[in-house]
Amino acid sequence: MEGDDESLLAAIRDGSDSAFNTLIDRHQQAVRTFLRGLTANPSDADDLAQETFLAAWTQAKSFRGQGSVRSWLFSIAWRKAKGSQRRWFRAARRDTAYHESLPGEGAPEAPAEDRIAMRQALLSLPLDQRAAVTLVLGSGYTHEEAAKMLAIPLGTIKSHVLRGREKLRPILGDRS
């Protein structure tokens, strides 16, 4: 099924599996890329992307057309990432007492050297700042678009991007 994203959403509201599959095909790579910038584990990002599209299916009626469908999907993905982080922190706190008595475990898997450095730098940023940097610097969205997607004030987005860029500058070099 071809057509613009809003037409696809109208068909999804009417229960069209074909329209939903087309929407996923169009946007899953962008959503996964965004989420991979926010999570430490690519498989977590893939799980969050699936949750994002499931939520889009069930919440298709909530789309009001105030932005693009892609930005709406990024907003859903952002909320899923924040929820996942909250769950992770709660689980970590719950498990800390138990794990303090155990010997240390092995180091995490290591991808290529450049990717390690970039990933570590991104993961060192607070989640809100990381999301702003990923959207503006990594995905090419404007500050205004990122502010709408993340439901964060425009000035805060600009500050997050500025601070994030400064922290990433040693890795990115002059490209930022």
C-alpha atoms as a PDB file:
ATOM      1  CA  MET A   1       0.000   0.000   0.000  1.00  0.00           C
ATOM      2  CA  GLU A   2       1.462   3.359  -1.045  1.00  0.00           C
ATOM      3  CA  GLY A   3       0.471   6.853   0.040  1.00  0.00           C
ATOM      4  CA  ASP A   4       1.455   9.437   2.565  1.00  0.00           C
ATOM      5  CA  ASP A   5       1.871   8.580   6.225  1.00  0.00           C
ATOM      6  CA  GLU A   6      -1.355  10.251   7.327  1.00  0.00           C
ATOM      7  CA  SER A   7      -3.319   8.164   4.808  1.00  0.00           C
ATOM      8  CA  LEU A   8      -1.595   5.092   6.195  1.00  0.00           C
ATOM      9  CA  LEU A   9      -2.631   6.061   9.719  1.00  0.00           C
ATOM     10  CA  ALA A  10      -6.230   6.483   8.564  1.00  0.00           C
ATOM     11  CA  ALA A  11      -6.104   2.963   7.114  1.00  0.00           C
ATOM     12  CA  ILE A  12      -4.476   1.662  10.311  1.00  0.00           C
ATOM     13  CA  ARG A  13      -7.324   3.170  12.336  1.00  0.00           C
ATOM     14  CA  ASP A  14      -9.653   1.101  10.139  1.00  0.00           C
ATOM     15  CA  GLY A  15      -7.622  -2.025  10.972  1.00  0.00           C
ATOM     16  CA  SER A  16      -5.455  -2.372   7.845  1.00  0.00           C
ATOM     17  CA  ASP A  17      -2.530  -4.711   8.491  1.00  0.00           C
ATOM     18  CA  SER A  18      -1.079  -3.820   5.092  1.00  0.00           C
ATOM     19  CA  ALA A  19      -0.989  -0.106   5.948  1.00  0.00           C
ATOM     20  CA  PHE A  20       0.648  -0.877   9.289  1.00  0.00           C
ATOM     21  CA  ASN A  21       3.318  -3.006   7.611  1.00  0.00           C
ATOM     22  CA  THR A  22       4.027  -0.187   5.144  1.00  0.00           C
ATOM     23  CA  LEU A  23       4.341   2.304   8.008  1.00  0.00           C
ATOM     24  CA  ILE A  24       6.787  -0.006   9.771  1.00  0.00           C
ATOM     25  CA  ASP A  25       8.817  -0.498   6.588  1.00  0.00           C
ATOM     26  CA  ARG A  26       9.077   3.270   6.118  1.00  0.00           C
ATOM     27  CA  HIS A  27      10.087   4.220   9.626  1.00  0.00           C
ATOM     28  CA  GLN A  28      11.574   1.273  11.487  1.00  0.00           C
ATOM     29  CA  GLN A  29      15.179   2.006  10.536  1.00  0.00           C
ATOM     30  CA  ALA A  30      14.961   5.632  11.735  1.00  0.00           C
ATOM     31  CA  VAL A  31      13.242   4.612  14.979  1.00  0.00           C
ATOM     32  CA  ARG A  32      15.774   1.849  15.638  1.00  0.00           C
ATOM     33  CA  THR A  33      18.687   4.197  14.926  1.00  0.00           C
ATOM     34  CA  PHE A  34      17.273   6.776  17.337  1.00  0.00           C
ATOM     35  CA  LEU A  35      16.752   4.158  20.055  1.00  0.00           C
ATOM     36  CA  ARG A  36      20.202   2.646  19.529  1.00  0.00           C
ATOM     37  CA  GLY A  37      21.609   6.065  20.352  1.00  0.00           C
ATOM     38  CA  LEU A  38      19.765   5.955  23.669  1.00  0.00           C
ATOM     39  CA  THR A  39      20.409   2.400  24.819  1.00  0.00           C
ATOM     40  CA  ALA A  40      23.554   0.522  25.732  1.00  0.00           C
ATOM     41  CA  ASN A  41      22.452  -2.679  24.032  1.00  0.00           C
ATOM     42  CA  PRO A  42      21.252  -2.836  20.389  1.00  0.00           C
ATOM     43  CA  SER A  43      18.844  -5.657  21.194  1.00  0.00           C
ATOM     44  CA  ASP A  44      17.207  -3.425  23.831  1.00  0.00           C
ATOM     45  CA  ALA A  45      16.758  -0.782  21.135  1.00  0.00           C
ATOM     46  CA  ASP A  46      15.165  -3.356  18.851  1.00  0.00           C
ATOM     47  CA  ASP A  47      12.767  -4.404  21.624  1.00  0.00           C
ATOM     48  CA  LEU A  48      11.864  -0.767  22.272  1.00  0.00           C
ATOM     49  CA  ALA A  49      11.284  -0.244  18.546  1.00  0.00           C
ATOM     50  CA  GLN A  50       8.827  -3.147  18.550  1.00  0.00           C
ATOM     51  CA  GLU A  51       7.092  -1.654  21.572  1.00  0.00           C
ATOM     52  CA  THR A  52       6.984   1.693  19.773  1.00  0.00           C
ATOM     53  CA  PHE A  53       5.221   0.262  16.738  1.00  0.00           C
ATOM     54  CA  LEU A  54       2.837  -1.767  18.890  1.00  0.00           C
ATOM     55  CA  ALA A  55       1.934   1.440  20.711  1.00  0.00           C
ATOM     56  CA  ALA A  56       1.505   3.212  17.361  1.00  0.00           C
ATOM     57  CA  TRP A  57      -0.947   0.500  16.298  1.00  0.00           C
ATOM     58  CA  THR A  58      -2.976   0.789  19.479  1.00  0.00           C
ATOM     59  CA  GLN A  59      -2.734   4.596  19.669  1.00  0.00           C
ATOM     60  CA  ALA A  60      -3.262   5.457  15.987  1.00  0.00           C
ATOM     61  CA  LYS A  61      -6.364   7.416  16.922  1.00  0.00           C
ATOM     62  CA  SER A  62      -4.290   9.705  19.149  1.00  0.00           C
ATOM     63  CA  PHE A  63      -2.319  11.157  16.231  1.00  0.00           C
ATOM     64  CA  ARG A  64      -3.555  14.729  15.776  1.00  0.00           C
ATOM     65  CA  GLY A  65      -1.540  15.746  12.718  1.00  0.00           C
ATOM     66  CA  GLN A  66       0.380  18.473  14.552  1.00  0.00           C
ATOM     67  CA  GLY A  67       3.668  17.143  13.199  1.00  0.00           C
ATOM     68  CA  SER A  68       4.899  14.394  10.964  1.00  0.00           C
ATOM     69  CA  VAL A  69       4.034  10.768  11.607  1.00  0.00           C
ATOM     70  CA  ARG A  70       7.763  10.094  12.007  1.00  0.00           C
ATOM     71  CA  SER A  71       8.053  12.702  14.769  1.00  0.00           C
ATOM     72  CA  TRP A  72       4.989  11.148  16.448  1.00  0.00           C
ATOM     73  CA  LEU A  73       6.725   7.753  16.296  1.00  0.00           C
ATOM     74  CA  PHE A  74       9.908   9.285  17.758  1.00  0.00           C
ATOM     75  CA  SER A  75       7.822  10.734  20.601  1.00  0.00           C
ATOM     76  CA  ILE A  76       6.453   7.286  21.359  1.00  0.00           C
ATOM     77  CA  ALA A  77       9.966   5.810  21.143  1.00  0.00           C
ATOM     78  CA  TRP A  78      11.259   8.473  23.532  1.00  0.00           C
ATOM     79  CA  ARG A  79       8.591   7.635  26.107  1.00  0.00           C
ATOM     80  CA  LYS A  80       9.383   3.927  25.744  1.00  0.00           C
ATOM     81  CA  ALA A  81      13.118   4.616  26.260  1.00  0.00           C
ATOM     82  CA  LYS A  82      12.464   6.707  29.367  1.00  0.00           C
ATOM     83  CA  GLY A  83      10.188   3.998  30.775  1.00  0.00           C
ATOM     84  CA  SER A  84      12.796   1.367  30.054  1.00  0.00           C
ATOM     85  CA  GLN A  85      15.463   3.386  31.811  1.00  0.00           C
ATOM     86  CA  ARG A  86      13.235   3.801  34.871  1.00  0.00           C
ATOM     87  CA  ARG A  87      12.614   0.032  34.963  1.00  0.00           C
ATOM     88  CA  TRP A  88      16.330  -0.631  34.589  1.00  0.00           C
ATOM     89  CA  PHE A  89      17.242   1.698  37.464  1.00  0.00           C
ATOM     90  CA  ARG A  90      14.594   0.150  39.723  1.00  0.00           C
ATOM     91  CA  ALA A  91      15.874  -3.341  38.915  1.00  0.00           C
ATOM     92  CA  ALA A  92      19.485  -2.251  39.470  1.00  0.00           C
ATOM     93  CA  ARG A  93      18.655  -0.799  42.877  1.00  0.00           C
ATOM     94  CA  ARG A  94      16.763  -3.957  43.771  1.00  0.00           C
ATOM     95  CA  ASP A  95      19.667  -6.169  42.735  1.00  0.00           C
ATOM     96  CA  THR A  96      22.505  -4.081  44.178  1.00  0.00           C
ATOM     97  CA  ALA A  97      22.435  -5.532  47.673  1.00  0.00           C
ATOM     98  CA  TYR A  98      22.584  -9.080  46.341  1.00  0.00           C
ATOM     99  CA  HIS A  99      25.333  -8.396  43.814  1.00  0.00           C
ATOM    100  CA  GLU A 100      27.585  -6.564  46.263  1.00  0.00           C
ATOM    101  CA  SER A 101      28.387  -9.875  47.915  1.00  0.00           C
ATOM    102  CA  LEU A 102      29.284 -11.561  44.595  1.00  0.00           C
ATOM    103  CA  PRO A 103      32.650 -11.313  42.794  1.00  0.00           C
ATOM    104  CA  GLY A 104      32.756  -8.946  39.748  1.00  0.00           C
ATOM    105  CA  GLU A 105      31.534 -10.163  36.390  1.00  0.00           C
ATOM    106  CA  GLY A 106      33.162  -9.949  32.953  1.00  0.00           C
ATOM    107  CA  ALA A 107      33.428  -6.816  30.834  1.00  0.00           C
ATOM    108  CA  PRO A 108      30.741  -5.977  28.290  1.00  0.00           C
ATOM    109  CA  GLU A 109      31.201  -6.950  24.651  1.00  0.00           C
ATOM    110  CA  ALA A 110      33.363  -4.533  22.663  1.00  0.00           C
ATOM    111  CA  PRO A 111      32.611  -3.415  19.056  1.00  0.00           C
ATOM    112  CA  ALA A 112      35.146  -1.585  16.837  1.00  0.00           C
ATOM    113  CA  GLU A 113      37.380   0.968  18.579  1.00  0.00           C
ATOM    114  CA  ASP A 114      35.756   4.108  17.151  1.00  0.00           C
ATOM    115  CA  ARG A 115      32.282   2.877  17.934  1.00  0.00           C
ATOM    116  CA  ILE A 116      33.291   2.066  21.477  1.00  0.00           C
ATOM    117  CA  ALA A 117      34.546   5.578  22.061  1.00  0.00           C
ATOM    118  CA  MET A 118      31.444   7.182  20.537  1.00  0.00           C
ATOM    119  CA  ARG A 119      29.083   4.870  22.381  1.00  0.00           C
ATOM    120  CA  GLN A 120      30.836   5.511  25.693  1.00  0.00           C
ATOM    121  CA  ALA A 121      30.690   9.231  25.119  1.00  0.00           C
ATOM    122  CA  LEU A 122      26.984   9.083  24.243  1.00  0.00           C
ATOM    123  CA  LEU A 123      26.200   6.865  27.204  1.00  0.00           C
ATOM    124  CA  SER A 124      27.997   9.276  29.507  1.00  0.00           C
ATOM    125  CA  LEU A 125      25.412  11.930  28.643  1.00  0.00           C
ATOM    126  CA  PRO A 126      22.205  12.137  30.694  1.00  0.00           C
ATOM    127  CA  LEU A 127      19.277  10.485  28.879  1.00  0.00           C
ATOM    128  CA  ASP A 128      17.502  13.766  27.992  1.00  0.00           C
ATOM    129  CA  GLN A 129      20.752  15.229  26.655  1.00  0.00           C
ATOM    130  CA  ARG A 130      21.562  12.024  24.761  1.00  0.00           C
ATOM    131  CA  ALA A 131      18.120  12.055  23.110  1.00  0.00           C
ATOM    132  CA  ALA A 132      18.490  15.699  22.074  1.00  0.00           C
ATOM    133  CA  VAL A 133      21.970  15.103  20.640  1.00  0.00           C
ATOM    134  CA  THR A 134      20.850  11.958  18.820  1.00  0.00           C
ATOM    135  CA  LEU A 135      17.893  13.729  17.219  1.00  0.00           C
ATOM    136  CA  VAL A 136      19.591  17.004  16.300  1.00  0.00           C
ATOM    137  CA  LEU A 137      23.148  15.929  15.511  1.00  0.00           C
ATOM    138  CA  GLY A 138      22.555  12.287  14.615  1.00  0.00           C
ATOM    139  CA  SER A 139      19.218  12.380  12.815  1.00  0.00           C
ATOM    140  CA  GLY A 140      19.214  15.922  11.433  1.00  0.00           C
ATOM    141  CA  TYR A 141      16.097  17.214  13.158  1.00  0.00           C
ATOM    142  CA  THR A 142      15.847  20.879  14.056  1.00  0.00           C
ATOM    143  CA  HIS A 143      15.925  21.989  17.660  1.00  0.00           C
ATOM    144  CA  GLU A 144      12.222  22.848  17.377  1.00  0.00           C
ATOM    145  CA  GLU A 145      11.330  19.389  16.049  1.00  0.00           C
ATOM    146  CA  ALA A 146      13.352  17.696  18.786  1.00  0.00           C
ATOM    147  CA  ALA A 147      11.662  19.866  21.429  1.00  0.00           C
ATOM    148  CA  LYS A 148       8.233  18.777  20.200  1.00  0.00           C
ATOM    149  CA  MET A 149       9.184  15.113  19.947  1.00  0.00           C
ATOM    150  CA  LEU A 150      10.656  14.986  23.430  1.00  0.00           C
ATOM    151  CA  ALA A 151       8.172  17.409  25.019  1.00  0.00           C
ATOM    152  CA  ILE A 152      11.087  19.429  26.377  1.00  0.00           C
ATOM    153  CA  PRO A 153      11.294  23.256  26.158  1.00  0.00           C
ATOM    154  CA  LEU A 154      13.202  24.585  23.138  1.00  0.00           C
ATOM    155  CA  GLY A 155      15.803  26.356  25.285  1.00  0.00           C
ATOM    156  CA  THR A 156      16.501  23.150  27.175  1.00  0.00           C
ATOM    157  CA  ILE A 157      16.958  21.237  23.907  1.00  0.00           C
ATOM    158  CA  LYS A 158      19.438  23.857  22.696  1.00  0.00           C
ATOM    159  CA  SER A 159      21.350  23.609  25.982  1.00  0.00           C
ATOM    160  CA  HIS A 160      21.349  19.812  25.837  1.00  0.00           C
ATOM    161  CA  VAL A 161      22.713  19.833  22.279  1.00  0.00           C
ATOM    162  CA  LEU A 162      25.357  22.444  23.095  1.00  0.00           C
ATOM    163  CA  ARG A 163      26.557  20.599  26.194  1.00  0.00           C
ATOM    164  CA  GLY A 164      26.392  17.231  24.460  1.00  0.00           C
ATOM    165  CA  ARG A 165      28.346  18.537  21.470  1.00  0.00           C
ATOM    166  CA  GLU A 166      31.045  19.893  23.776  1.00  0.00           C
ATOM    167  CA  LYS A 167      31.331  16.538  25.507  1.00  0.00           C
ATOM    168  CA  LEU A 168      31.457  14.678  22.175  1.00  0.00           C
ATOM    169  CA  ARG A 169      33.804  17.151  20.425  1.00  0.00           C
ATOM    170  CA  PRO A 170      37.003  15.228  21.298  1.00  0.00           C
ATOM    171  CA  ILE A 171      35.565  12.160  19.543  1.00  0.00           C
ATOM    172  CA  LEU A 172      33.787  13.897  16.664  1.00  0.00           C
ATOM    173  CA  GLY A 173      36.609  16.324  15.994  1.00  0.00           C
ATOM    174  CA  ASP A 174      35.689  19.219  13.714  1.00  0.00           C
ATOM    175  CA  ARG A 175      32.627  17.449  12.243  1.00  0.00           C
ATOM    176  CA  SER A 176      30.340  18.749  14.996  1.00  0.00           C
END
